[in-house]
Amino acid sequence: MKRLLILLFLIYINFTLAEAQNKFPSQIWHKGQVVTTDGQVVAGLVMYDLDNNIVQVQRQSVETFGASNVSQFEIFDEIYGGIRTFYSLPYALATDYETPVFFEILTQGNEMALLCREYVATDTRGMNNPMMMNPMWGGPMMMNNGFRLAFNYYFFKDGKIRRYSLKKRDLMDFFDDREDEVKLYMRKNRLAHDKRGDLLRITAYYNQIK
């Protein structure tokens, strides 16, 4: 009987993981916590919505927080592994006026931080075999529903958040005071200008040499 219960439990876990892998990270409840602007820490199961800049915490009931009421939140992503941290920062996202917006922080140093915002995009390149990008490092995961996880990247430097176009010619604008060194580092390590993991390494290197 005990062995049967263990087997049923393992089947349930595998089924749950399989179901989760067919969803995007923002559609899943994660273990995590929210830190409000007044310093309160609210721990529980966390689900986020970057389109609307809200985060929910499930405890006895579900509490909803807007970016204006949150300083940061973090989740443990069980599917991809690792802790992901999001900050609420002022930015003019859809208008000319700055409002609190959630950004995921990928790496930071004394000089610069690399931020991103994920979104779900229609994959018109291969509807039968679209790619879902791993939100931790950017590695591909298969997903057969015609959509993929995509990212907008931002650099935070000199107190300003600037969006990166993912065009190679624009990348060095962010590293202009160490351009030759950064270019050499990219060539030596065969780093791309538009891959999540490579951008993380490039930014970390820049902070190191600064």
N, C-alpha and C. Protein backbone atom coordinates (compact mmCIF):
# COMPACT_ATOMS: atom_id res chain seq x y z
N MET A 1 0.84 -1.21 0.00
CA MET A 1 0.00 0.00 0.00
C MET A 1 0.88 1.26 0.00
N LYS A 2 1.91 1.25 0.84
CA LYS A 2 2.81 2.39 0.93
C LYS A 2 3.52 2.62 -0.40
N ARG A 3 3.94 1.50 -1.03
CA ARG A 3 4.63 1.61 -2.31
C ARG A 3 3.70 2.18 -3.39
N LEU A 4 2.43 1.79 -3.33
CA LEU A 4 1.44 2.29 -4.29
C LEU A 4 1.23 3.79 -4.12
N LEU A 5 1.17 4.24 -2.85
CA LEU A 5 0.98 5.66 -2.58
C LEU A 5 2.16 6.47 -3.10
N ILE A 6 3.36 5.95 -2.92
CA ILE A 6 4.56 6.63 -3.42
C ILE A 6 4.52 6.72 -4.94
N LEU A 7 4.12 5.62 -5.59
CA LEU A 7 4.03 5.59 -7.04
C LEU A 7 3.01 6.61 -7.55
N LEU A 8 1.85 6.67 -6.90
CA LEU A 8 0.82 7.62 -7.29
C LEU A 8 1.30 9.06 -7.11
N PHE A 9 2.04 9.29 -6.02
CA PHE A 9 2.58 10.62 -5.76
C PHE A 9 3.56 11.03 -6.86
N LEU A 10 4.45 10.12 -7.26
CA LEU A 10 5.42 10.41 -8.32
C LEU A 10 4.73 10.67 -9.65
N ILE A 11 3.68 9.91 -9.93
CA ILE A 11 2.91 10.13 -11.16
C ILE A 11 2.28 11.53 -11.15
N TYR A 12 1.74 11.92 -9.98
CA TYR A 12 1.12 13.24 -9.85
C TYR A 12 2.15 14.35 -10.07
N ILE A 13 3.33 14.19 -9.46
CA ILE A 13 4.39 15.20 -9.61
C ILE A 13 4.80 15.33 -11.07
N ASN A 14 5.01 14.20 -11.73
CA ASN A 14 5.41 14.23 -13.14
C ASN A 14 4.33 14.88 -14.01
N PHE A 15 3.07 14.58 -13.70
CA PHE A 15 1.96 15.17 -14.45
C PHE A 15 1.92 16.68 -14.25
N THR A 16 2.12 17.11 -12.99
CA THR A 16 2.10 18.54 -12.67
C THR A 16 3.21 19.28 -13.39
N LEU A 17 4.42 18.69 -13.40
CA LEU A 17 5.54 19.32 -14.08
C LEU A 17 5.31 19.39 -15.59
N ALA A 18 4.74 18.32 -16.14
CA ALA A 18 4.46 18.31 -17.57
C ALA A 18 3.44 19.39 -17.93
N GLU A 19 2.42 19.55 -17.09
CA GLU A 19 1.41 20.59 -17.33
C GLU A 19 2.05 21.97 -17.25
N ALA A 20 2.93 22.16 -16.25
CA ALA A 20 3.58 23.46 -16.06
C ALA A 20 4.48 23.81 -17.24
N GLN A 21 5.15 22.79 -17.80
CA GLN A 21 6.06 23.03 -18.91
C GLN A 21 5.32 23.43 -20.17
N ASN A 22 4.02 23.21 -20.23
CA ASN A 22 3.22 23.62 -21.37
C ASN A 22 2.59 24.99 -21.17
N LYS A 23 3.01 25.67 -20.12
CA LYS A 23 2.51 27.01 -19.84
C LYS A 23 3.69 27.98 -19.77
N PHE A 24 3.39 29.25 -19.92
CA PHE A 24 4.42 30.26 -19.76
C PHE A 24 4.60 30.56 -18.27
N PRO A 25 5.77 31.06 -17.87
CA PRO A 25 6.04 31.31 -16.44
C PRO A 25 5.00 32.20 -15.77
N SER A 26 4.46 33.17 -16.50
CA SER A 26 3.48 34.08 -15.91
C SER A 26 2.12 33.43 -15.70
N GLN A 27 1.95 32.19 -16.19
CA GLN A 27 0.68 31.48 -16.03
C GLN A 27 0.74 30.44 -14.91
N ILE A 28 1.84 30.45 -14.17
CA ILE A 28 2.07 29.43 -13.14
C ILE A 28 2.24 30.10 -11.77
N TRP A 29 1.72 29.46 -10.74
CA TRP A 29 1.98 29.91 -9.37
C TRP A 29 3.36 29.41 -8.94
N HIS A 30 4.18 30.33 -8.42
CA HIS A 30 5.54 30.01 -7.97
C HIS A 30 5.68 30.29 -6.47
N LYS A 31 6.50 29.54 -5.80
CA LYS A 31 6.86 29.90 -4.44
C LYS A 31 7.64 31.21 -4.49
N GLY A 32 7.32 32.13 -3.59
CA GLY A 32 8.03 33.40 -3.62
C GLY A 32 7.53 34.37 -2.58
N GLN A 33 7.88 35.61 -2.77
CA GLN A 33 7.46 36.65 -1.82
C GLN A 33 7.43 38.01 -2.50
N VAL A 34 6.62 38.88 -1.91
CA VAL A 34 6.48 40.26 -2.37
C VAL A 34 6.89 41.19 -1.25
N VAL A 35 7.68 42.20 -1.58
CA VAL A 35 8.07 43.22 -0.60
C VAL A 35 7.36 44.51 -0.99
N THR A 36 6.49 45.00 -0.12
CA THR A 36 5.71 46.20 -0.42
C THR A 36 6.55 47.45 -0.18
N THR A 37 6.04 48.58 -0.64
CA THR A 37 6.78 49.84 -0.49
C THR A 37 6.93 50.28 0.97
N ASP A 38 6.06 49.74 1.85
CA ASP A 38 6.20 50.08 3.27
C ASP A 38 7.01 49.03 4.04
N GLY A 39 7.66 48.11 3.30
CA GLY A 39 8.57 47.15 3.93
C GLY A 39 7.94 45.84 4.36
N GLN A 40 6.66 45.65 4.12
CA GLN A 40 6.00 44.40 4.49
C GLN A 40 6.41 43.29 3.53
N VAL A 41 6.71 42.11 4.08
CA VAL A 41 7.07 40.94 3.27
C VAL A 41 5.89 39.98 3.27
N VAL A 42 5.37 39.70 2.10
CA VAL A 42 4.21 38.82 1.94
C VAL A 42 4.67 37.57 1.18
N ALA A 43 4.74 36.44 1.88
CA ALA A 43 5.25 35.21 1.29
C ALA A 43 4.10 34.26 0.98
N GLY A 44 4.25 33.48 -0.07
CA GLY A 44 3.23 32.51 -0.46
C GLY A 44 3.47 32.05 -1.88
N LEU A 45 2.42 31.70 -2.58
CA LEU A 45 2.51 31.35 -3.99
C LEU A 45 2.28 32.63 -4.80
N VAL A 46 3.18 32.88 -5.74
CA VAL A 46 3.20 34.16 -6.46
C VAL A 46 2.94 33.93 -7.94
N MET A 47 2.07 34.78 -8.51
CA MET A 47 1.85 34.81 -9.96
C MET A 47 1.93 36.27 -10.41
N TYR A 48 2.64 36.50 -11.53
CA TYR A 48 2.84 37.88 -11.97
C TYR A 48 2.23 38.12 -13.34
N ASP A 49 1.94 39.38 -13.61
CA ASP A 49 1.37 39.81 -14.90
C ASP A 49 2.08 41.09 -15.29
N LEU A 50 3.09 40.97 -16.15
CA LEU A 50 3.88 42.13 -16.52
C LEU A 50 3.13 43.06 -17.47
N ASP A 51 2.18 42.51 -18.22
CA ASP A 51 1.39 43.36 -19.12
C ASP A 51 0.62 44.42 -18.34
N ASN A 52 0.09 44.01 -17.19
CA ASN A 52 -0.70 44.93 -16.37
C ASN A 52 0.05 45.40 -15.13
N ASN A 53 1.31 44.96 -14.98
CA ASN A 53 2.15 45.36 -13.85
C ASN A 53 1.47 45.10 -12.50
N ILE A 54 1.00 43.86 -12.36
CA ILE A 54 0.45 43.43 -11.08
C ILE A 54 1.07 42.10 -10.68
N VAL A 55 1.06 41.82 -9.40
CA VAL A 55 1.55 40.56 -8.86
C VAL A 55 0.56 40.09 -7.81
N GLN A 56 0.29 38.79 -7.79
CA GLN A 56 -0.66 38.22 -6.85
C GLN A 56 0.05 37.24 -5.91
N VAL A 57 -0.42 37.20 -4.67
CA VAL A 57 0.11 36.26 -3.68
C VAL A 57 -1.05 35.43 -3.15
N GLN A 58 -0.90 34.14 -3.23
CA GLN A 58 -1.93 33.22 -2.73
C GLN A 58 -1.51 32.68 -1.38
N ARG A 59 -2.33 33.01 -0.37
CA ARG A 59 -2.14 32.43 0.97
C ARG A 59 -3.49 31.82 1.36
N GLN A 60 -4.12 32.30 2.42
CA GLN A 60 -5.49 31.86 2.71
C GLN A 60 -6.44 32.35 1.61
N SER A 61 -6.09 33.50 1.07
CA SER A 61 -6.84 34.06 -0.06
C SER A 61 -5.82 34.67 -1.02
N VAL A 62 -6.29 35.22 -2.12
CA VAL A 62 -5.39 35.81 -3.12
C VAL A 62 -5.38 37.33 -2.94
N GLU A 63 -4.18 37.89 -2.75
CA GLU A 63 -4.00 39.33 -2.65
C GLU A 63 -3.34 39.84 -3.93
N THR A 64 -3.80 40.99 -4.40
CA THR A 64 -3.27 41.57 -5.63
C THR A 64 -2.58 42.89 -5.32
N PHE A 65 -1.37 43.06 -5.87
CA PHE A 65 -0.59 44.27 -5.65
C PHE A 65 -0.20 44.87 -7.00
N GLY A 66 -0.29 46.18 -7.10
CA GLY A 66 0.18 46.88 -8.28
C GLY A 66 1.63 47.29 -8.11
N ALA A 67 2.28 47.63 -9.21
CA ALA A 67 3.69 48.00 -9.15
C ALA A 67 3.93 49.23 -8.27
N SER A 68 2.93 50.09 -8.15
CA SER A 68 3.07 51.29 -7.32
C SER A 68 3.10 50.96 -5.83
N ASN A 69 2.66 49.77 -5.45
CA ASN A 69 2.64 49.36 -4.05
C ASN A 69 3.73 48.36 -3.70
N VAL A 70 4.57 48.00 -4.68
CA VAL A 70 5.58 46.96 -4.49
C VAL A 70 6.96 47.52 -4.80
N SER A 71 7.94 47.22 -3.96
CA SER A 71 9.32 47.61 -4.27
C SER A 71 10.02 46.50 -5.04
N GLN A 72 9.74 45.24 -4.69
CA GLN A 72 10.30 44.12 -5.44
C GLN A 72 9.54 42.84 -5.11
N PHE A 73 9.69 41.85 -5.96
CA PHE A 73 9.19 40.52 -5.64
C PHE A 73 10.12 39.49 -6.26
N GLU A 74 10.12 38.30 -5.69
CA GLU A 74 10.97 37.24 -6.22
C GLU A 74 10.21 35.92 -6.23
N ILE A 75 10.58 35.08 -7.17
CA ILE A 75 9.97 33.76 -7.28
C ILE A 75 11.05 32.71 -7.43
N PHE A 76 10.73 31.48 -7.02
CA PHE A 76 11.59 30.35 -7.33
C PHE A 76 10.96 29.61 -8.49
N ASP A 77 11.64 29.64 -9.62
CA ASP A 77 11.11 29.01 -10.83
C ASP A 77 11.50 27.54 -10.82
N GLU A 78 10.55 26.67 -10.44
CA GLU A 78 10.85 25.25 -10.29
C GLU A 78 11.05 24.55 -11.63
N ILE A 79 10.45 25.08 -12.68
CA ILE A 79 10.58 24.45 -14.00
C ILE A 79 11.98 24.66 -14.56
N TYR A 80 12.47 25.88 -14.49
CA TYR A 80 13.76 26.21 -15.08
C TYR A 80 14.88 26.27 -14.04
N GLY A 81 14.52 26.34 -12.77
CA GLY A 81 15.52 26.36 -11.70
C GLY A 81 16.03 27.76 -11.43
N GLY A 82 16.15 28.11 -10.16
CA GLY A 82 16.73 29.40 -9.80
C GLY A 82 15.71 30.43 -9.34
N ILE A 83 16.22 31.42 -8.64
CA ILE A 83 15.41 32.52 -8.13
C ILE A 83 15.43 33.67 -9.12
N ARG A 84 14.28 34.19 -9.44
CA ARG A 84 14.15 35.33 -10.33
C ARG A 84 13.63 36.52 -9.53
N THR A 85 14.28 37.68 -9.70
CA THR A 85 13.94 38.87 -8.92
C THR A 85 13.46 39.98 -9.83
N PHE A 86 12.38 40.63 -9.42
CA PHE A 86 11.77 41.71 -10.18
C PHE A 86 11.72 42.97 -9.30
N TYR A 87 12.02 44.12 -9.88
CA TYR A 87 11.95 45.39 -9.17
C TYR A 87 10.91 46.28 -9.82
N SER A 88 10.29 47.12 -9.02
CA SER A 88 9.39 48.15 -9.52
C SER A 88 10.19 49.44 -9.67
N LEU A 89 10.30 49.92 -10.92
CA LEU A 89 11.12 51.08 -11.22
C LEU A 89 10.33 52.08 -12.07
N PRO A 90 10.58 53.37 -11.91
CA PRO A 90 9.85 54.37 -12.71
C PRO A 90 10.33 54.35 -14.16
N TYR A 91 9.37 54.26 -15.09
CA TYR A 91 9.73 54.20 -16.51
C TYR A 91 8.52 54.61 -17.34
N ALA A 92 8.78 55.32 -18.44
CA ALA A 92 7.70 55.71 -19.35
C ALA A 92 7.50 54.59 -20.35
N LEU A 93 6.62 53.67 -20.04
CA LEU A 93 6.45 52.46 -20.85
C LEU A 93 5.54 52.68 -22.05
N ALA A 94 4.35 53.16 -21.81
CA ALA A 94 3.37 53.33 -22.90
C ALA A 94 3.02 54.80 -23.14
N THR A 95 3.46 55.67 -22.26
CA THR A 95 3.18 57.10 -22.39
C THR A 95 4.47 57.88 -22.18
N ASP A 96 4.37 59.19 -22.17
CA ASP A 96 5.54 60.04 -21.92
C ASP A 96 5.79 60.23 -20.43
N TYR A 97 4.91 59.69 -19.61
CA TYR A 97 5.02 59.88 -18.17
C TYR A 97 5.54 58.61 -17.49
N GLU A 98 6.45 58.80 -16.57
CA GLU A 98 7.01 57.66 -15.84
C GLU A 98 6.03 57.16 -14.79
N THR A 99 5.86 55.86 -14.76
CA THR A 99 5.04 55.20 -13.74
C THR A 99 5.80 53.97 -13.27
N PRO A 100 5.46 53.42 -12.10
CA PRO A 100 6.14 52.21 -11.63
C PRO A 100 5.89 51.03 -12.57
N VAL A 101 6.97 50.38 -12.99
CA VAL A 101 6.91 49.27 -13.94
C VAL A 101 7.79 48.13 -13.41
N PHE A 102 7.33 46.89 -13.58
CA PHE A 102 8.12 45.75 -13.13
C PHE A 102 9.18 45.38 -14.17
N PHE A 103 10.42 45.24 -13.70
CA PHE A 103 11.53 44.77 -14.51
C PHE A 103 12.19 43.59 -13.80
N GLU A 104 12.55 42.57 -14.56
CA GLU A 104 13.35 41.49 -14.01
C GLU A 104 14.81 41.89 -14.11
N ILE A 105 15.57 41.71 -13.04
CA ILE A 105 16.98 42.05 -13.05
C ILE A 105 17.79 40.80 -13.36
N LEU A 106 18.63 40.89 -14.39
CA LEU A 106 19.44 39.75 -14.83
C LEU A 106 20.83 39.78 -14.22
N THR A 107 21.45 40.95 -14.20
CA THR A 107 22.75 41.11 -13.55
C THR A 107 22.93 42.59 -13.24
N GLN A 108 23.68 42.88 -12.19
CA GLN A 108 23.90 44.27 -11.83
C GLN A 108 25.28 44.43 -11.21
N GLY A 109 25.81 45.64 -11.33
CA GLY A 109 27.09 46.00 -10.74
C GLY A 109 27.07 47.45 -10.34
N ASN A 110 28.23 47.98 -10.02
CA ASN A 110 28.29 49.38 -9.59
C ASN A 110 28.01 50.36 -10.72
N GLU A 111 28.26 49.93 -11.97
CA GLU A 111 28.11 50.84 -13.11
C GLU A 111 26.82 50.64 -13.88
N MET A 112 26.40 49.38 -14.01
CA MET A 112 25.29 49.10 -14.92
C MET A 112 24.51 47.87 -14.46
N ALA A 113 23.23 47.85 -14.82
CA ALA A 113 22.39 46.66 -14.60
C ALA A 113 21.71 46.31 -15.91
N LEU A 114 21.53 45.01 -16.14
CA LEU A 114 20.79 44.52 -17.30
C LEU A 114 19.43 44.06 -16.82
N LEU A 115 18.38 44.63 -17.39
CA LEU A 115 17.01 44.33 -17.01
C LEU A 115 16.27 43.75 -18.21
N CYS A 116 15.13 43.13 -17.94
CA CYS A 116 14.31 42.67 -19.05
C CYS A 116 12.85 42.61 -18.64
N ARG A 117 12.00 42.56 -19.65
CA ARG A 117 10.57 42.34 -19.48
C ARG A 117 10.16 41.28 -20.50
N GLU A 118 9.56 40.20 -20.02
CA GLU A 118 9.14 39.13 -20.93
C GLU A 118 7.74 39.41 -21.46
N TYR A 119 7.44 38.81 -22.60
CA TYR A 119 6.10 38.89 -23.17
C TYR A 119 5.88 37.68 -24.06
N VAL A 120 4.63 37.37 -24.31
CA VAL A 120 4.29 36.23 -25.15
C VAL A 120 4.06 36.74 -26.57
N ALA A 121 4.78 36.16 -27.53
CA ALA A 121 4.69 36.59 -28.92
C ALA A 121 4.20 35.45 -29.79
N THR A 122 3.51 35.80 -30.86
CA THR A 122 3.11 34.81 -31.85
C THR A 122 4.32 34.41 -32.66
N ASP A 123 4.54 33.10 -32.82
CA ASP A 123 5.68 32.61 -33.57
C ASP A 123 5.23 32.28 -34.99
N THR A 124 5.49 33.18 -35.92
CA THR A 124 5.09 32.97 -37.31
C THR A 124 6.15 32.24 -38.12
N ARG A 125 7.32 32.00 -37.50
CA ARG A 125 8.40 31.35 -38.24
C ARG A 125 8.22 29.85 -38.30
N GLY A 126 7.55 29.27 -37.30
CA GLY A 126 7.38 27.82 -37.29
C GLY A 126 6.23 27.44 -36.39
N MET A 127 5.03 27.63 -36.89
CA MET A 127 3.84 27.43 -36.08
C MET A 127 3.71 25.99 -35.58
N ASN A 128 4.29 25.05 -36.30
CA ASN A 128 4.19 23.66 -35.87
C ASN A 128 5.26 23.29 -34.85
N ASN A 129 6.26 24.14 -34.71
CA ASN A 129 7.37 23.81 -33.83
C ASN A 129 7.96 25.07 -33.21
N PRO A 130 7.15 25.91 -32.57
CA PRO A 130 7.66 27.15 -32.02
C PRO A 130 8.59 26.91 -30.84
N MET A 131 9.45 27.89 -30.58
CA MET A 131 10.43 27.78 -29.50
C MET A 131 10.01 28.65 -28.33
N MET A 132 10.14 28.10 -27.14
CA MET A 132 9.92 28.87 -25.93
C MET A 132 11.26 29.07 -25.27
N MET A 133 11.62 30.32 -25.00
CA MET A 133 12.93 30.60 -24.43
C MET A 133 12.92 30.45 -22.91
N ASN A 134 13.92 29.76 -22.42
CA ASN A 134 14.10 29.59 -20.99
C ASN A 134 14.29 30.96 -20.34
N PRO A 135 13.46 31.35 -19.37
CA PRO A 135 13.57 32.69 -18.79
C PRO A 135 14.79 32.87 -17.89
N MET A 136 15.49 31.78 -17.57
CA MET A 136 16.69 31.92 -16.74
C MET A 136 17.91 32.27 -17.59
N TRP A 137 18.11 31.54 -18.69
CA TRP A 137 19.32 31.72 -19.48
C TRP A 137 19.06 31.92 -20.97
N GLY A 138 17.83 31.72 -21.40
CA GLY A 138 17.54 31.95 -22.79
C GLY A 138 17.65 30.73 -23.67
N GLY A 139 17.91 29.56 -23.10
CA GLY A 139 17.99 28.35 -23.89
C GLY A 139 16.63 27.94 -24.40
N PRO A 140 16.57 27.27 -25.54
CA PRO A 140 15.28 26.94 -26.14
C PRO A 140 14.56 25.79 -25.46
N MET A 141 13.24 25.91 -25.35
CA MET A 141 12.38 24.83 -24.89
C MET A 141 11.27 24.70 -25.92
N MET A 142 10.90 23.47 -26.27
CA MET A 142 9.87 23.28 -27.29
C MET A 142 8.49 23.58 -26.70
N MET A 143 7.64 24.20 -27.53
CA MET A 143 6.28 24.48 -27.09
C MET A 143 5.36 24.50 -28.31
N ASN A 144 4.39 23.62 -28.35
CA ASN A 144 3.60 23.42 -29.56
C ASN A 144 2.24 24.11 -29.49
N ASN A 145 2.23 25.41 -29.30
CA ASN A 145 0.96 26.12 -29.28
C ASN A 145 0.97 27.40 -30.11
N GLY A 146 2.00 27.57 -30.92
CA GLY A 146 2.04 28.72 -31.81
C GLY A 146 2.50 30.01 -31.18
N PHE A 147 3.00 29.95 -29.95
CA PHE A 147 3.48 31.14 -29.26
C PHE A 147 4.86 30.86 -28.68
N ARG A 148 5.58 31.93 -28.39
CA ARG A 148 6.90 31.79 -27.77
C ARG A 148 7.09 32.89 -26.73
N LEU A 149 7.99 32.64 -25.81
CA LEU A 149 8.33 33.64 -24.81
C LEU A 149 9.44 34.52 -25.38
N ALA A 150 9.22 35.83 -25.38
CA ALA A 150 10.19 36.78 -25.92
C ALA A 150 10.53 37.81 -24.85
N PHE A 151 11.60 38.58 -25.10
CA PHE A 151 12.09 39.51 -24.09
C PHE A 151 12.44 40.86 -24.70
N ASN A 152 12.11 41.92 -23.99
CA ASN A 152 12.66 43.24 -24.25
C ASN A 152 13.74 43.49 -23.21
N TYR A 153 14.88 44.01 -23.66
CA TYR A 153 16.01 44.23 -22.75
C TYR A 153 16.25 45.72 -22.52
N TYR A 154 16.72 46.02 -21.33
CA TYR A 154 16.96 47.40 -20.93
C TYR A 154 18.27 47.47 -20.15
N PHE A 155 19.00 48.58 -20.33
CA PHE A 155 20.18 48.83 -19.54
C PHE A 155 19.91 49.99 -18.58
N PHE A 156 20.30 49.80 -17.33
CA PHE A 156 20.16 50.85 -16.33
C PHE A 156 21.55 51.40 -16.03
N LYS A 157 21.77 52.64 -16.41
CA LYS A 157 23.09 53.26 -16.25
C LYS A 157 22.92 54.75 -16.02
N ASP A 158 23.74 55.29 -15.12
CA ASP A 158 23.69 56.73 -14.81
C ASP A 158 22.30 57.17 -14.39
N GLY A 159 21.60 56.30 -13.67
CA GLY A 159 20.28 56.65 -13.15
C GLY A 159 19.16 56.61 -14.16
N LYS A 160 19.43 56.10 -15.38
CA LYS A 160 18.41 56.07 -16.42
C LYS A 160 18.23 54.65 -16.96
N ILE A 161 16.99 54.32 -17.32
CA ILE A 161 16.69 53.04 -17.96
C ILE A 161 16.51 53.30 -19.45
N ARG A 162 17.29 52.59 -20.26
CA ARG A 162 17.21 52.75 -21.71
C ARG A 162 16.97 51.38 -22.35
N ARG A 163 16.01 51.33 -23.25
CA ARG A 163 15.70 50.08 -23.93
C ARG A 163 16.74 49.78 -25.01
N TYR A 164 17.10 48.52 -25.12
CA TYR A 164 18.05 48.07 -26.13
C TYR A 164 17.29 47.52 -27.33
N SER A 165 17.64 47.97 -28.51
CA SER A 165 16.92 47.62 -29.74
C SER A 165 17.23 46.21 -30.24
N LEU A 166 18.25 45.57 -29.68
CA LEU A 166 18.77 44.27 -30.14
C LEU A 166 19.49 44.38 -31.49
N LYS A 167 19.80 45.61 -31.90
CA LYS A 167 20.60 45.81 -33.10
C LYS A 167 22.06 45.95 -32.70
N LYS A 168 22.92 45.25 -33.40
CA LYS A 168 24.33 45.18 -33.03
C LYS A 168 24.97 46.56 -32.96
N ARG A 169 24.61 47.43 -33.90
CA ARG A 169 25.23 48.76 -33.93
C ARG A 169 24.85 49.62 -32.73
N ASP A 170 23.73 49.26 -32.06
CA ASP A 170 23.29 50.05 -30.91
C ASP A 170 23.88 49.57 -29.59
N LEU A 171 24.41 48.34 -29.58
CA LEU A 171 24.87 47.77 -28.32
C LEU A 171 26.01 48.58 -27.70
N MET A 172 26.95 49.02 -28.53
CA MET A 172 28.13 49.70 -28.01
C MET A 172 27.82 51.10 -27.48
N ASP A 173 26.63 51.60 -27.77
CA ASP A 173 26.24 52.89 -27.18
C ASP A 173 26.22 52.81 -25.66
N PHE A 174 25.96 51.60 -25.13
CA PHE A 174 25.89 51.42 -23.68
C PHE A 174 27.27 51.19 -23.06
N PHE A 175 28.23 50.83 -23.90
CA PHE A 175 29.58 50.52 -23.40
C PHE A 175 30.62 51.42 -24.06
N ASP A 176 30.23 52.63 -24.44
CA ASP A 176 31.09 53.48 -25.26
C ASP A 176 32.43 53.82 -24.60
N ASP A 177 32.48 53.87 -23.26
CA ASP A 177 33.73 54.21 -22.60
C ASP A 177 34.68 53.01 -22.47
N ARG A 178 34.19 51.81 -22.82
CA ARG A 178 35.03 50.59 -22.81
C ARG A 178 34.76 49.78 -24.08
N GLU A 179 34.47 50.48 -25.17
CA GLU A 179 34.01 49.82 -26.38
C GLU A 179 35.02 48.80 -26.92
N ASP A 180 36.29 49.19 -27.02
CA ASP A 180 37.30 48.30 -27.60
C ASP A 180 37.46 47.03 -26.76
N GLU A 181 37.46 47.19 -25.44
CA GLU A 181 37.62 46.03 -24.55
C GLU A 181 36.41 45.09 -24.63
N VAL A 182 35.23 45.67 -24.68
CA VAL A 182 34.01 44.86 -24.75
C VAL A 182 33.94 44.12 -26.09
N LYS A 183 34.29 44.79 -27.18
CA LYS A 183 34.29 44.13 -28.49
C LYS A 183 35.27 42.97 -28.53
N LEU A 184 36.46 43.17 -27.96
CA LEU A 184 37.46 42.10 -27.91
C LEU A 184 36.96 40.92 -27.09
N TYR A 185 36.33 41.21 -25.95
CA TYR A 185 35.77 40.16 -25.10
C TYR A 185 34.70 39.37 -25.84
N MET A 186 33.86 40.06 -26.60
CA MET A 186 32.81 39.38 -27.35
C MET A 186 33.41 38.48 -28.43
N ARG A 187 34.44 38.97 -29.12
CA ARG A 187 35.07 38.17 -30.18
C ARG A 187 35.75 36.93 -29.60
N LYS A 188 36.48 37.11 -28.52
CA LYS A 188 37.21 36.00 -27.91
C LYS A 188 36.27 34.90 -27.43
N ASN A 189 35.12 35.31 -26.92
CA ASN A 189 34.19 34.35 -26.34
C ASN A 189 33.02 34.02 -27.26
N ARG A 190 33.07 34.56 -28.49
CA ARG A 190 32.03 34.30 -29.49
C ARG A 190 30.63 34.59 -28.95
N LEU A 191 30.49 35.78 -28.39
CA LEU A 191 29.23 36.18 -27.80
C LEU A 191 28.39 36.96 -28.80
N ALA A 192 27.11 36.68 -28.80
CA ALA A 192 26.18 37.35 -29.71
C ALA A 192 25.63 38.61 -29.07
N HIS A 193 25.15 39.51 -29.91
CA HIS A 193 24.62 40.79 -29.43
C HIS A 193 23.15 40.71 -29.05
N ASP A 194 22.50 39.56 -29.33
CA ASP A 194 21.05 39.48 -29.15
C ASP A 194 20.60 38.24 -28.38
N LYS A 195 21.51 37.59 -27.67
CA LYS A 195 21.15 36.42 -26.87
C LYS A 195 21.20 36.76 -25.39
N ARG A 196 20.19 36.30 -24.68
CA ARG A 196 20.03 36.66 -23.27
C ARG A 196 21.27 36.33 -22.44
N GLY A 197 21.72 35.07 -22.51
CA GLY A 197 22.88 34.66 -21.72
C GLY A 197 24.13 35.43 -22.08
N ASP A 198 24.31 35.75 -23.37
CA ASP A 198 25.49 36.49 -23.81
C ASP A 198 25.44 37.94 -23.33
N LEU A 199 24.26 38.55 -23.39
CA LEU A 199 24.12 39.92 -22.89
C LEU A 199 24.43 40.00 -21.40
N LEU A 200 24.03 38.96 -20.68
CA LEU A 200 24.32 38.91 -19.25
C LEU A 200 25.82 38.88 -19.01
N ARG A 201 26.55 38.04 -19.78
CA ARG A 201 28.01 37.93 -19.63
C ARG A 201 28.70 39.23 -20.02
N ILE A 202 28.24 39.87 -21.08
CA ILE A 202 28.85 41.12 -21.54
C ILE A 202 28.69 42.21 -20.49
N THR A 203 27.49 42.32 -19.91
CA THR A 203 27.24 43.34 -18.89
C THR A 203 28.06 43.08 -17.64
N ALA A 204 28.15 41.82 -17.23
CA ALA A 204 28.95 41.47 -16.06
C ALA A 204 30.42 41.80 -16.29
N TYR A 205 30.91 41.55 -17.49
CA TYR A 205 32.29 41.87 -17.82
C TYR A 205 32.54 43.38 -17.76
N TYR A 206 31.61 44.13 -18.31
CA TYR A 206 31.75 45.60 -18.29
C TYR A 206 31.83 46.10 -16.85
N ASN A 207 30.97 45.59 -15.99
CA ASN A 207 31.01 46.01 -14.59
C ASN A 207 32.34 45.62 -13.93
N GLN A 208 32.88 44.49 -14.34
CA GLN A 208 34.15 44.01 -13.77
C GLN A 208 35.32 44.93 -14.15
N ILE A 209 35.40 45.33 -15.42
CA ILE A 209 36.54 46.15 -15.85
C ILE A 209 36.38 47.61 -15.45
N LYS A 210 35.17 48.01 -15.10
CA LYS A 210 34.94 49.38 -14.63
C LYS A 210 35.36 49.51 -13.17
